[in-house]
Amino acid sequence: MQFKQIVGQDAIKQRLINSVKENRVSHAQLFLGPGGSGSLPLAVAYAQYLSCEDKQPDDSCGECSSCRKYQKLMHPDLHFSYPFFAKHKDDTAITFIEQWREAFITNPYLNLDTWRDYLDAENKQANINIAECHQIIKKLSFKPFESAYKILILWLPEYLDKEGNALLKIIEEPQPNTLFILVAQNQDQILNTILSRTQLIKIPALTYDDIKSHLMEKHNQTEEAAAEIAYLCNGNLSEALTMLQQDNKGYHTSFVQWLRLCFGNKGLEVMGFVDQVAKMGRENQKNFLRYGISFLRECCLLLSGAGSLVHLPAQELETAKKMTNVMDVDQSQAIITELEKAHYHVERNANPKILFLDVSLQIIKVLNYKTIRQNADT
């Protein structure tokens, strides 16, 4: 993995490159970033750059023996640890290394759900067990074979239970030229004993423009389609790539139609719309609701006089301006609340017809009678 293959994150890339050039490579680093931000591919690209035999000013060469092995994730000095679904108590990450290589090479922005699909997970819980901790200690007790560094990339250390304390000594006093890179999403879920021994590198979510450009250039999306997905995924490229695999787009047109039917209190037509949405499939229903939430938040910005902060394509911005003439901030926020609750219930397999009919009735009450449901969670 080379830095040039990673979407955006130019400032982080330069910081990592400079740390190598200036010989300031910390032996234990925590790459902390939200899902889909590129933390994991950044860690692999950083490791490849450290091991490259012909470093370029801004990237690894991609051609030397070390880089070629890194591209297949088969370098003898590169090790991975990650959550897995153990079938036996002595299972470790190496048990699933072939699936891991396939998953990462297919999609470096993978999340735990994507990783689960590569394994026979059944109903097991993902974790990093004590056997894996002992395996890490064993692997890192040896000197590097080929490169200047022996590198362990530990993905999602949040899944280390108290057994993770077994790693403290080797993290604090590693063998010379041994590097730990922890790649995490939730700082609060990491053992404090491990967290205190790492250098924190915060990785921000990807920008709207970065994702939009990537979808257009690498996935042949039209500007309109790329803009909608970039808007919906909220900086998460993993979510954006998942959306590419789904059939229904055009959420703007459908959502505005829904609001108009509710505003007009057109009962039969609302029922017909609910039937259509119920056939969309769970993932598209979630994306449809997510779009509505995002769109109405932009409307709230317009209503609050913060139009300069609105980030909508021209056509959608024009529609949003028209909608601000028929609803106020309180009504917008009330509808957002209903949509967020609906998203929660869709994730938990609620009956879509009943769910979307109830939401439609609540929107009708909000828009026509300014009735806002109280104690909505009960």
Protein backbone atom coordinates (compact mmCIF):
# COMPACT_ATOMS: atom_id res chain seq x y z
CA MET A 1 0.00 0.00 0.00
CA GLN A 2 1.42 3.37 -1.01
CA PHE A 3 0.37 6.76 0.32
CA LYS A 4 -0.74 7.81 -3.16
CA GLN A 5 -3.39 5.06 -3.12
CA ILE A 6 -5.05 6.52 -0.03
CA VAL A 7 -7.89 9.00 -0.42
CA GLY A 8 -7.19 12.47 1.03
CA GLN A 9 -5.41 12.83 4.41
CA ASP A 10 -2.53 14.78 2.86
CA ALA A 11 -1.51 16.44 6.13
CA ILE A 12 -1.33 13.10 7.97
CA LYS A 13 0.67 11.53 5.14
CA GLN A 14 3.21 14.34 5.26
CA ARG A 15 3.46 14.12 9.04
CA LEU A 16 4.22 10.38 8.84
CA ILE A 17 6.79 10.86 6.08
CA ASN A 18 8.51 13.63 8.03
CA SER A 19 8.74 11.45 11.14
CA VAL A 20 10.77 8.94 9.13
CA LYS A 21 12.97 11.56 7.46
CA GLU A 22 13.70 13.22 10.80
CA ASN A 23 14.23 9.89 12.60
CA ARG A 24 11.39 10.55 15.04
CA VAL A 25 9.57 7.22 14.74
CA SER A 26 7.90 6.36 18.03
CA HIS A 27 7.94 2.64 18.87
CA ALA A 28 4.23 2.62 19.85
CA GLN A 29 1.70 4.73 17.96
CA LEU A 30 -2.08 4.92 18.03
CA PHE A 31 -3.83 5.88 14.78
CA LEU A 32 -7.20 7.10 16.03
CA GLY A 33 -9.84 7.91 13.43
CA PRO A 34 -13.53 7.33 12.69
CA GLY A 35 -14.64 4.43 10.54
CA GLY A 36 -13.87 4.83 6.84
CA SER A 37 -11.29 7.59 7.41
CA GLY A 38 -8.38 5.49 6.14
CA SER A 39 -6.59 4.79 9.43
CA LEU A 40 -5.83 1.19 8.51
CA PRO A 41 -4.48 1.82 4.98
CA LEU A 42 -2.45 4.72 6.39
CA ALA A 43 -0.86 2.35 8.90
CA VAL A 44 0.04 -0.14 6.16
CA ALA A 45 1.40 2.58 3.86
CA TYR A 46 3.46 3.97 6.75
CA ALA A 47 4.87 0.52 7.50
CA GLN A 48 5.69 0.00 3.82
CA TYR A 49 7.45 3.38 3.67
CA LEU A 50 9.52 2.52 6.75
CA SER A 51 10.61 -0.77 5.16
CA CYS A 52 11.10 0.52 1.60
CA GLU A 53 14.60 0.00 0.21
CA ASP A 54 14.40 3.02 -2.09
CA LYS A 55 12.32 5.66 -0.32
CA GLN A 56 11.08 8.52 -2.50
CA PRO A 57 10.59 12.05 -1.13
CA ASP A 58 6.84 11.56 -0.71
CA ASP A 59 6.17 7.81 -0.89
CA SER A 60 7.62 4.30 -0.96
CA CYS A 61 9.00 3.24 -4.33
CA GLY A 62 6.48 0.44 -4.89
CA GLU A 63 9.05 -1.58 -6.84
CA CYS A 64 11.72 -2.88 -4.47
CA SER A 65 11.61 -6.37 -2.98
CA SER A 66 10.17 -5.06 0.28
CA CYS A 67 7.36 -3.09 -1.42
CA ARG A 68 6.38 -6.04 -3.58
CA LYS A 69 6.01 -8.21 -0.48
CA TYR A 70 4.04 -5.49 1.27
CA GLN A 71 1.62 -5.27 -1.64
CA LYS A 72 0.71 -8.90 -0.96
CA LEU A 73 0.87 -8.40 2.84
CA MET A 74 3.47 -11.18 2.94
CA HIS A 75 6.56 -9.41 4.24
CA PRO A 76 8.25 -11.47 7.01
CA ASP A 77 8.65 -8.37 9.20
CA LEU A 78 5.01 -7.26 8.87
CA HIS A 79 2.54 -8.76 11.33
CA PHE A 80 -1.17 -8.16 11.85
CA SER A 81 -3.45 -8.63 14.80
CA TYR A 82 -7.21 -8.08 14.62
CA PRO A 83 -10.50 -9.19 16.17
CA PHE A 84 -11.67 -12.62 15.07
CA PHE A 85 -14.38 -15.12 15.89
CA ALA A 86 -12.54 -17.96 17.61
CA LYS A 87 -13.80 -21.51 17.18
CA HIS A 88 -11.14 -22.92 19.50
CA LYS A 89 -9.43 -21.37 22.50
CA ASP A 90 -6.03 -21.61 20.81
CA ASP A 91 -7.12 -19.79 17.64
CA THR A 92 -5.04 -16.69 16.87
CA ALA A 93 -4.96 -14.08 14.10
CA ILE A 94 -2.60 -16.25 12.07
CA THR A 95 -5.42 -18.82 11.81
CA PHE A 96 -7.32 -16.34 9.64
CA ILE A 97 -4.42 -14.63 7.85
CA GLU A 98 -5.45 -15.75 4.35
CA GLN A 99 -8.95 -14.30 4.81
CA TRP A 100 -7.40 -11.12 6.25
CA ARG A 101 -5.13 -10.63 3.26
CA GLU A 102 -8.01 -11.14 0.86
CA ALA A 103 -10.28 -8.76 2.79
CA PHE A 104 -7.71 -5.96 3.02
CA ILE A 105 -6.48 -6.22 -0.57
CA THR A 106 -10.10 -6.20 -1.79
CA ASN A 107 -11.04 -3.19 0.35
CA PRO A 108 -8.44 -1.46 2.58
CA TYR A 109 -11.30 0.58 4.10
CA LEU A 110 -13.00 -2.52 5.50
CA ASN A 111 -15.00 -2.37 8.72
CA LEU A 112 -15.84 -5.10 11.22
CA ASP A 113 -19.05 -6.04 9.38
CA THR A 114 -17.12 -6.49 6.14
CA TRP A 115 -14.47 -8.53 7.96
CA ARG A 116 -17.19 -10.70 9.51
CA ASP A 117 -18.38 -11.62 6.01
CA TYR A 118 -15.02 -13.26 5.31
CA LEU A 119 -15.30 -15.53 8.34
CA ASP A 120 -17.68 -18.20 9.59
CA ALA A 121 -18.73 -15.90 12.41
CA GLU A 122 -22.17 -17.37 13.18
CA ASN A 123 -23.29 -15.65 16.40
CA LYS A 124 -19.83 -15.47 17.97
CA GLN A 125 -18.47 -12.26 19.45
CA ALA A 126 -15.33 -10.76 17.96
CA ASN A 127 -12.36 -10.37 20.29
CA ILE A 128 -8.58 -10.52 20.56
CA ASN A 129 -7.96 -13.38 22.98
CA ILE A 130 -5.16 -14.25 25.37
CA ALA A 131 -3.73 -16.81 22.92
CA GLU A 132 -3.30 -13.99 20.39
CA CYS A 133 -1.57 -11.81 23.01
CA HIS A 134 0.92 -14.62 23.71
CA GLN A 135 1.42 -15.07 19.94
CA ILE A 136 2.19 -11.35 19.57
CA ILE A 137 4.81 -11.53 22.32
CA LYS A 138 6.38 -14.58 20.70
CA LYS A 139 6.51 -13.06 17.20
CA LEU A 140 8.00 -9.79 18.40
CA SER A 141 10.68 -11.36 20.55
CA PHE A 142 12.79 -11.96 17.43
CA LYS A 143 14.90 -9.45 15.51
CA PRO A 144 13.77 -8.19 12.09
CA PHE A 145 14.54 -10.63 9.25
CA GLU A 146 14.96 -8.30 6.28
CA SER A 147 13.94 -4.71 7.07
CA ALA A 148 15.14 -2.13 9.53
CA TYR A 149 11.88 -2.57 11.47
CA LYS A 150 9.68 -5.41 12.66
CA ILE A 151 6.15 -3.97 12.59
CA LEU A 152 2.90 -5.09 14.20
CA ILE A 153 -0.34 -3.44 13.08
CA LEU A 154 -3.08 -4.12 15.63
CA TRP A 155 -6.48 -3.27 14.17
CA LEU A 156 -9.25 -2.36 16.64
CA PRO A 157 -7.48 -2.69 20.01
CA GLU A 158 -10.91 -1.90 21.51
CA TYR A 159 -11.48 -5.66 21.29
CA LEU A 160 -8.61 -6.41 23.66
CA ASP A 161 -10.08 -7.34 27.02
CA LYS A 162 -8.06 -7.35 30.25
CA GLU A 163 -5.88 -9.98 28.62
CA GLY A 164 -4.34 -7.08 26.72
CA ASN A 165 -2.37 -6.19 29.83
CA ALA A 166 -0.12 -9.11 28.93
CA LEU A 167 1.25 -6.87 26.14
CA LEU A 168 2.26 -3.99 28.38
CA LYS A 169 5.86 -5.04 28.93
CA ILE A 170 6.63 -5.66 25.26
CA ILE A 171 4.91 -2.38 24.27
CA GLU A 172 6.89 -0.43 26.85
CA GLU A 173 10.20 -2.25 26.38
CA PRO A 174 10.17 -3.76 22.89
CA GLN A 175 13.07 -5.36 21.07
CA PRO A 176 15.18 -2.79 19.17
CA ASN A 177 13.56 -1.59 15.92
CA THR A 178 10.17 -3.03 16.81
CA LEU A 179 7.18 -0.85 16.02
CA PHE A 180 3.59 -1.15 17.26
CA ILE A 181 0.85 0.62 15.31
CA LEU A 182 -2.59 0.44 16.90
CA VAL A 183 -5.49 1.40 14.65
CA ALA A 184 -8.59 2.37 16.63
CA GLN A 185 -11.94 4.12 16.32
CA ASN A 186 -13.06 4.56 19.96
CA GLN A 187 -10.47 5.88 22.37
CA ASP A 188 -12.74 5.35 25.39
CA GLN A 189 -12.89 1.60 24.76
CA ILE A 190 -9.12 1.04 24.76
CA LEU A 191 -7.43 -0.18 27.92
CA ASN A 192 -5.97 2.87 29.68
CA THR A 193 -2.80 0.94 30.45
CA ILE A 194 -2.19 0.52 26.71
CA LEU A 195 -3.41 3.98 25.75
CA SER A 196 -0.93 5.68 28.08
CA ARG A 197 1.97 3.92 26.39
CA THR A 198 1.28 5.11 22.83
CA GLN A 199 1.82 8.27 20.82
CA LEU A 200 -1.58 9.49 19.61
CA ILE A 201 -2.09 10.42 15.95
CA LYS A 202 -5.60 11.70 15.28
CA ILE A 203 -6.95 11.04 11.80
CA PRO A 204 -9.99 13.11 10.76
CA ALA A 205 -12.97 11.94 8.75
CA LEU A 206 -12.59 12.37 5.00
CA THR A 207 -13.98 15.53 3.46
CA TYR A 208 -17.02 15.68 1.21
CA ASP A 209 -14.84 16.78 -1.73
CA ASP A 210 -12.31 13.96 -1.21
CA ILE A 211 -15.01 11.29 -1.32
CA LYS A 212 -16.87 12.89 -4.21
CA SER A 213 -13.70 13.14 -6.32
CA HIS A 214 -12.70 9.56 -5.49
CA LEU A 215 -16.10 8.18 -6.53
CA MET A 216 -15.99 10.07 -9.81
CA GLU A 217 -12.38 9.23 -10.69
CA LYS A 218 -12.07 5.65 -9.43
CA HIS A 219 -15.64 4.35 -9.57
CA ASN A 220 -16.97 6.12 -12.68
CA GLN A 221 -19.83 7.83 -10.85
CA THR A 222 -21.58 10.84 -12.32
CA GLU A 223 -21.10 14.10 -10.46
CA GLU A 224 -24.70 13.99 -9.23
CA ALA A 225 -24.46 10.39 -7.96
CA ALA A 226 -21.06 10.99 -6.37
CA ALA A 227 -22.30 14.15 -4.66
CA GLU A 228 -25.29 12.35 -3.14
CA ILE A 229 -23.22 9.44 -1.81
CA ALA A 230 -20.52 11.79 -0.47
CA TYR A 231 -23.24 13.79 1.25
CA LEU A 232 -24.84 10.70 2.78
CA CYS A 233 -21.74 8.86 4.01
CA ASN A 234 -20.60 11.69 6.31
CA GLY A 235 -16.87 11.24 5.71
CA ASN A 236 -16.95 7.43 5.89
CA LEU A 237 -15.51 5.95 2.68
CA SER A 238 -16.43 2.44 3.79
CA GLU A 239 -20.09 3.51 3.90
CA ALA A 240 -19.73 5.21 0.52
CA LEU A 241 -18.36 2.04 -1.10
CA THR A 242 -21.22 0.03 0.40
CA MET A 243 -23.73 2.47 -1.08
CA LEU A 244 -22.22 1.95 -4.53
CA GLN A 245 -23.41 -1.64 -4.42
CA GLN A 246 -27.03 -0.67 -3.79
CA ASP A 247 -29.55 -0.13 -6.55
CA ASN A 248 -31.68 2.78 -5.41
CA LYS A 249 -30.29 6.28 -5.47
CA GLY A 250 -32.23 9.50 -6.04
CA TYR A 251 -33.10 9.85 -2.38
CA HIS A 252 -33.61 13.59 -2.75
CA THR A 253 -36.52 13.29 -5.14
CA SER A 254 -38.16 10.55 -3.07
CA PHE A 255 -37.71 12.34 0.23
CA VAL A 256 -39.10 15.65 -1.01
CA GLN A 257 -42.04 13.80 -2.56
CA TRP A 258 -42.72 12.19 0.84
CA LEU A 259 -42.70 15.54 2.63
CA ARG A 260 -45.02 17.06 0.02
CA LEU A 261 -47.50 14.20 0.37
CA CYS A 262 -47.43 14.60 4.15
CA PHE A 263 -47.81 18.39 3.91
CA GLY A 264 -50.79 17.91 1.60
CA ASN A 265 -52.22 15.30 4.00
CA LYS A 266 -52.92 13.00 1.04
CA GLY A 267 -53.76 9.78 2.83
CA LEU A 268 -54.07 7.32 -0.06
CA GLU A 269 -50.97 8.65 -1.79
CA VAL A 270 -49.03 8.47 1.46
CA MET A 271 -50.06 4.82 1.78
CA GLY A 272 -48.84 4.19 -1.75
CA PHE A 273 -45.51 5.83 -0.95
CA VAL A 274 -45.15 3.72 2.20
CA ASP A 275 -45.66 0.58 0.10
CA GLN A 276 -42.84 1.71 -2.23
CA VAL A 277 -40.43 2.40 0.61
CA ALA A 278 -41.24 -0.94 2.25
CA LYS A 279 -39.93 -2.70 -0.89
CA MET A 280 -36.63 -0.80 -0.99
CA GLY A 281 -34.72 -3.18 1.26
CA ARG A 282 -33.28 -2.48 4.68
CA GLU A 283 -29.99 -0.84 3.60
CA ASN A 284 -31.72 1.50 1.16
CA GLN A 285 -34.32 2.37 3.80
CA LYS A 286 -31.51 3.29 6.20
CA ASN A 287 -29.79 5.41 3.54
CA PHE A 288 -33.09 7.07 2.62
CA LEU A 289 -33.67 8.04 6.25
CA ARG A 290 -30.05 9.12 6.66
CA TYR A 291 -30.42 11.38 3.64
CA GLY A 292 -33.59 12.92 5.08
CA ILE A 293 -31.88 13.62 8.39
CA SER A 294 -28.93 15.29 6.66
CA PHE A 295 -31.15 17.30 4.33
CA LEU A 296 -33.33 18.64 7.14
CA ARG A 297 -30.27 19.60 9.16
CA GLU A 298 -29.20 21.76 6.22
CA CYS A 299 -32.69 23.28 6.24
CA CYS A 300 -32.23 24.09 9.93
CA LEU A 301 -29.02 25.96 9.08
CA LEU A 302 -30.91 28.01 6.48
CA LEU A 303 -33.70 28.74 8.94
CA SER A 304 -31.14 29.80 11.55
CA GLY A 305 -29.50 32.28 9.18
CA ALA A 306 -26.36 30.17 8.72
CA GLY A 307 -26.73 29.72 4.97
CA SER A 308 -22.97 30.07 4.44
CA LEU A 309 -22.49 26.73 6.23
CA VAL A 310 -24.94 24.82 4.03
CA HIS A 311 -23.35 22.17 1.85
CA LEU A 312 -25.91 21.10 -0.78
CA PRO A 313 -25.84 20.69 -4.56
CA ALA A 314 -27.55 23.57 -6.39
CA GLN A 315 -30.82 21.77 -7.11
CA GLU A 316 -31.18 20.50 -3.56
CA LEU A 317 -30.28 23.90 -2.13
CA GLU A 318 -33.07 25.49 -4.16
CA THR A 319 -35.55 22.93 -2.81
CA ALA A 320 -34.33 23.49 0.74
CA LYS A 321 -34.89 27.25 0.41
CA LYS A 322 -38.46 26.65 -0.71
CA MET A 323 -39.10 24.29 2.18
CA THR A 324 -38.02 26.89 4.71
CA ASN A 325 -41.13 28.85 3.70
CA VAL A 326 -43.46 26.15 5.02
CA MET A 327 -41.74 24.95 8.20
CA ASP A 328 -39.73 26.37 11.07
CA VAL A 329 -36.75 25.09 13.05
CA ASP A 330 -38.88 23.33 15.67
CA GLN A 331 -40.81 21.45 13.00
CA SER A 332 -37.61 20.46 11.21
CA GLN A 333 -36.03 19.19 14.41
CA ALA A 334 -39.19 17.26 15.30
CA ILE A 335 -39.13 15.49 11.94
CA ILE A 336 -35.41 14.78 12.32
CA THR A 337 -36.17 13.11 15.66
CA GLU A 338 -38.80 10.90 14.02
CA LEU A 339 -36.40 9.94 11.22
CA GLU A 340 -33.61 9.11 13.68
CA LYS A 341 -35.96 6.85 15.64
CA ALA A 342 -37.06 5.19 12.39
CA HIS A 343 -33.43 4.57 11.41
CA TYR A 344 -32.85 2.94 14.80
CA HIS A 345 -35.85 0.64 14.32
CA VAL A 346 -34.98 -0.24 10.72
CA GLU A 347 -31.60 -1.47 11.96
CA ARG A 348 -33.51 -3.75 14.32
CA ASN A 349 -35.74 -5.20 11.61
CA ALA A 350 -38.98 -3.38 12.43
CA ASN A 351 -41.91 -3.99 10.09
CA PRO A 352 -41.26 -1.35 7.38
CA LYS A 353 -44.91 -0.74 6.46
CA ILE A 354 -45.98 -0.11 10.02
CA LEU A 355 -42.85 1.91 10.76
CA PHE A 356 -43.03 4.24 7.74
CA LEU A 357 -46.79 4.69 8.10
CA ASP A 358 -46.30 5.79 11.71
CA VAL A 359 -43.52 8.21 10.71
CA SER A 360 -45.71 9.59 7.91
CA LEU A 361 -48.54 10.26 10.36
CA GLN A 362 -46.13 12.02 12.73
CA ILE A 363 -44.80 14.20 9.88
CA ILE A 364 -48.38 15.08 8.86
CA LYS A 365 -49.10 16.17 12.43
CA VAL A 366 -45.89 18.20 12.65
CA LEU A 367 -46.33 19.98 9.30
CA ASN A 368 -50.08 20.59 9.43
CA TYR A 369 -50.88 20.93 13.11
CA LYS A 370 -47.45 21.70 14.61
CA THR A 371 -48.00 18.76 16.94
CA ILE A 372 -44.72 17.44 18.30
CA ARG A 373 -44.74 14.01 19.94
CA GLN A 374 -43.53 14.08 23.52
CA ASN A 375 -41.51 11.33 25.26
CA ALA A 376 -40.91 9.82 21.84
CA ASP A 377 -38.70 7.01 23.14
CA THR A 378 -41.43 5.49 25.29
